[in-house]
Protein backbone atom coordinates (compact mmCIF):
# COMPACT_ATOMS: atom_id res chain seq x y z
CA MET A 1 104.56 96.60 100.66
CA SER A 2 107.04 98.48 101.03
CA SER A 3 106.80 102.49 100.61
CA PHE A 4 108.80 105.77 101.70
CA LEU A 5 108.09 108.15 104.87
CA PHE A 6 106.84 111.51 102.91
CA LEU A 7 107.66 114.40 105.10
CA ARG A 8 107.52 118.12 104.37
CA VAL A 9 109.25 119.86 106.60
CA ILE A 10 107.88 123.62 107.94
CA TRP A 11 109.68 125.87 109.73
CA ASP A 12 106.81 127.43 111.08
CA PRO A 13 108.67 131.40 111.67
CA HIS A 14 108.99 131.72 107.85
CA HIS A 15 107.38 134.22 105.73
CA ILE A 16 106.95 131.21 102.65
CA GLN A 17 104.18 128.58 103.33
CA PHE A 18 101.18 127.11 100.67
CA PRO A 19 99.26 124.39 100.62
CA LEU A 20 100.65 121.69 98.88
CA ARG A 21 98.48 118.38 97.23
CA ILE A 22 99.81 115.76 94.39
CA ALA A 23 97.68 113.04 93.95
CA GLY A 24 98.98 109.28 95.25
CA ALA A 25 101.54 111.18 97.50
CA ASN A 26 100.82 110.87 101.50
CA ILE A 27 102.20 114.05 101.87
CA LYS A 28 102.63 113.98 106.19
CA GLU A 29 103.49 118.09 106.98
CA LEU A 30 106.59 117.50 110.36
CA ARG A 31 106.18 121.37 111.86
CA ILE A 32 109.83 122.67 113.62
CA THR A 33 109.31 125.65 116.17
CA PRO A 34 111.66 127.76 117.74
CA GLU A 35 112.63 126.82 121.25
CA PRO A 36 113.92 129.69 123.27
CA ASN A 37 117.51 127.62 123.19
CA HIS A 38 117.39 126.96 120.02
CA PRO A 39 116.03 129.88 117.50
CA PHE A 40 115.57 127.05 114.61
CA GLY A 41 113.65 124.66 116.64
CA ARG A 42 115.81 121.59 116.36
CA LYS A 43 115.20 119.39 113.58
CA GLY A 44 117.16 116.72 114.09
CA LEU A 45 115.28 115.45 116.65
CA MET A 46 111.69 116.03 114.96
CA LEU A 47 113.00 114.15 111.88
CA GLU A 48 114.46 111.66 114.14
CA ARG A 49 111.03 111.08 115.47
CA ALA A 50 109.03 111.40 113.02
CA TRP A 51 110.95 108.01 111.67
CA GLU A 52 110.33 106.47 115.13
CA GLN A 53 106.55 107.31 115.81
CA ILE A 54 104.82 107.60 111.83
CA ALA A 55 107.59 104.70 109.29
CA PRO A 56 105.16 102.80 107.35
CA PRO A 57 106.13 98.85 108.10
CA ASN A 58 108.80 98.19 106.20
CA CYS A 59 110.10 101.55 105.39
CA LEU A 60 112.29 102.33 102.50
CA GLY A 61 113.06 105.14 103.27
CA MET A 62 112.34 108.73 104.12
CA LEU A 63 111.48 111.53 101.83
CA ILE A 64 112.09 115.08 102.47
CA LEU A 65 110.43 118.24 101.20
CA ASP A 66 111.72 121.66 103.07
CA GLY A 67 108.64 123.85 103.13
CA ASP A 68 110.07 126.42 101.17
CA VAL A 69 110.35 124.48 98.53
CA VAL A 70 107.71 123.48 95.39
CA ILE A 71 107.33 120.45 93.61
CA ASP A 72 104.76 119.52 91.01
CA PRO A 73 103.76 116.20 90.43
CA GLN A 74 105.97 115.13 87.33
CA ASP A 75 108.78 115.52 90.32
CA PHE A 76 107.13 113.64 92.59
CA ILE A 77 106.58 110.75 89.98
CA LEU A 78 110.76 111.11 88.71
CA MET A 79 111.74 110.67 92.37
CA ALA A 80 109.45 107.71 93.08
CA GLY A 81 110.89 106.52 90.35
CA ALA A 82 114.31 106.68 91.45
CA ILE A 83 113.73 105.22 94.90
CA GLY A 84 111.91 102.75 93.35
CA ARG A 85 114.82 101.31 91.24
CA GLU A 86 117.20 102.43 93.95
CA PRO A 87 115.85 102.59 97.41
CA GLY A 88 119.26 101.72 99.42
CA ALA A 89 120.17 105.12 97.92
CA VAL A 90 120.02 109.16 98.67
CA HIS A 91 117.98 110.53 95.69
CA VAL A 92 118.62 115.02 95.06
CA GLY A 93 116.06 116.54 93.16
CA ALA A 94 118.28 118.70 91.50
CA ALA A 95 116.97 122.68 93.13
CA ARG A 96 119.18 125.48 93.12
CA ILE A 97 119.30 127.47 96.72
CA TRP A 98 120.15 130.85 97.41
CA SER A 99 122.27 133.35 99.30
CA ALA A 100 118.71 134.56 101.38
CA SER A 101 119.18 130.59 103.11
CA LYS A 102 123.08 130.24 102.57
CA PRO A 103 124.57 133.88 102.90
CA GLU A 104 127.61 132.46 102.11
CA LEU A 105 126.23 131.94 98.61
CA ALA A 106 126.63 136.03 98.44
CA THR A 107 129.78 136.19 95.93
CA ALA A 108 130.35 137.64 93.23
CA GLU A 109 131.36 133.94 91.54
CA LEU A 110 128.43 132.72 92.83
CA ASP A 111 125.45 136.03 92.18
CA GLY A 112 123.42 134.53 95.25
CA TRP A 113 123.28 130.60 94.39
CA SER A 114 124.46 126.85 93.90
CA TRP A 115 123.11 123.98 93.34
CA ALA A 116 121.62 122.08 96.36
CA HIS A 117 124.18 119.62 96.52
CA TRP A 118 128.05 119.61 95.43
CA ALA A 119 131.32 117.95 95.71
CA LYS A 120 133.78 120.07 96.72
CA ALA A 121 131.94 123.06 97.00
CA PRO A 122 129.25 125.08 95.99
CA THR A 123 128.82 125.39 92.45
CA HIS A 124 127.07 126.96 89.70
CA ASP A 125 127.93 123.35 87.31
CA LEU A 126 124.71 120.59 87.63
CA VAL A 127 127.43 117.77 89.17
CA THR A 128 126.13 114.13 88.87
CA GLU A 129 129.23 112.43 89.99
CA GLY A 130 130.98 112.90 93.04
CA ILE A 131 128.94 114.38 95.01
CA GLU A 132 129.61 114.83 98.81
CA PHE A 133 127.54 117.37 100.46
CA PHE A 134 123.09 118.15 99.34
CA SER A 135 120.74 120.18 101.38
CA PHE A 136 117.62 118.48 101.78
CA ASN A 137 115.42 120.75 99.57
CA TYR A 138 113.66 117.88 97.94
CA THR A 139 116.27 114.90 99.17
CA TYR A 140 114.77 110.69 99.93
CA LEU A 141 117.41 108.89 102.18
CA PRO A 142 117.45 105.47 102.61
CA ALA A 143 115.93 103.50 105.66
CA ALA A 144 119.86 102.47 106.32
CA LEU A 145 120.93 106.14 106.73
CA VAL A 146 118.32 107.30 108.49
CA GLU A 147 118.95 104.51 110.96
CA ALA A 148 122.74 105.05 110.79
CA SER A 149 122.44 109.05 111.11
CA ILE A 150 120.58 108.36 114.48
CA LYS A 151 123.33 106.19 115.70
CA ARG A 152 125.61 109.06 115.78
CA GLY A 153 123.33 111.51 117.05
CA LEU A 154 121.42 112.71 114.72
CA LYS A 155 118.69 114.25 117.85
CA GLY A 156 121.10 116.44 118.51
CA LYS A 157 121.74 118.13 115.43
CA MET A 158 120.01 121.80 115.02
CA PHE A 159 119.37 123.98 111.46
CA PRO A 160 121.95 124.45 109.52
CA GLY A 161 124.37 121.41 110.74
CA VAL A 162 121.39 119.03 109.64
CA ASP A 163 121.74 118.68 105.78
CA GLN A 164 125.30 118.56 106.83
CA PHE A 165 125.85 115.53 109.74
CA VAL A 166 123.36 113.67 106.70
CA SER A 167 125.54 114.09 104.36
CA ARG A 168 128.79 114.30 106.07
CA VAL A 169 127.22 109.71 107.27
CA ALA A 170 126.17 109.27 104.13
CA ARG A 171 129.77 109.80 102.83
CA GLU A 172 131.43 107.49 106.07
CA THR A 173 128.59 104.36 105.21
CA ARG A 174 129.59 104.81 101.27
CA THR A 175 125.29 105.76 100.48
CA PRO A 176 125.10 105.58 96.87
CA ILE A 177 124.00 109.76 96.01
CA ARG A 178 122.19 109.99 92.58
CA VAL A 179 120.54 113.05 90.85
CA VAL A 180 116.68 112.62 90.28
CA SER A 181 117.53 113.05 86.45
CA GLY A 182 114.00 115.74 84.95
CA ALA A 183 112.98 116.63 88.55
CA SER A 184 113.03 120.68 88.55
CA PRO A 185 112.66 121.73 92.59
CA LYS A 186 112.25 125.22 93.17
CA HIS A 187 113.50 126.58 96.62
CA LEU A 188 111.47 130.06 97.47
CA ASN A 189 113.74 131.46 100.13
CA TYR A 190 115.28 134.28 97.60
């Protein structure tokens, strides 16, 4: 039976830390630690190593839940269903991101927030087609995209460029990007 790797990615110095347990979900915690030359840690390297070392046999892909994002059991059920129906697509849980983690959102037009995925630019409109960018927040990456990202240099990418890099690889490889209907993860860094 095929399954996916579910990683909760926690940046150790972050002030928002809480336990997360969901029945039926095998969640692995991946802690990102700052280093002298990498104040936000080496997220790309950590994701690559996790994929290589702990992904189950015949792994469909990697589900990422950022440590400052909370989901409920229904969000997990909806995401797992979306992955089961189309394991070769990126699946994003529609989350609002806030200017505390993305300062460029602190504009009068955006009022300090945007959806964590968009077509051309950050927006309040919930885009479901033509998506060009996705922040990890609560996002599934299919195995082929993870492998393509590794081949193109994932290990050298650091926050905040990891999401941007993987989004670009998804566009270049023409990987479909879907929004998980009904999922409503909450980004708590605001």
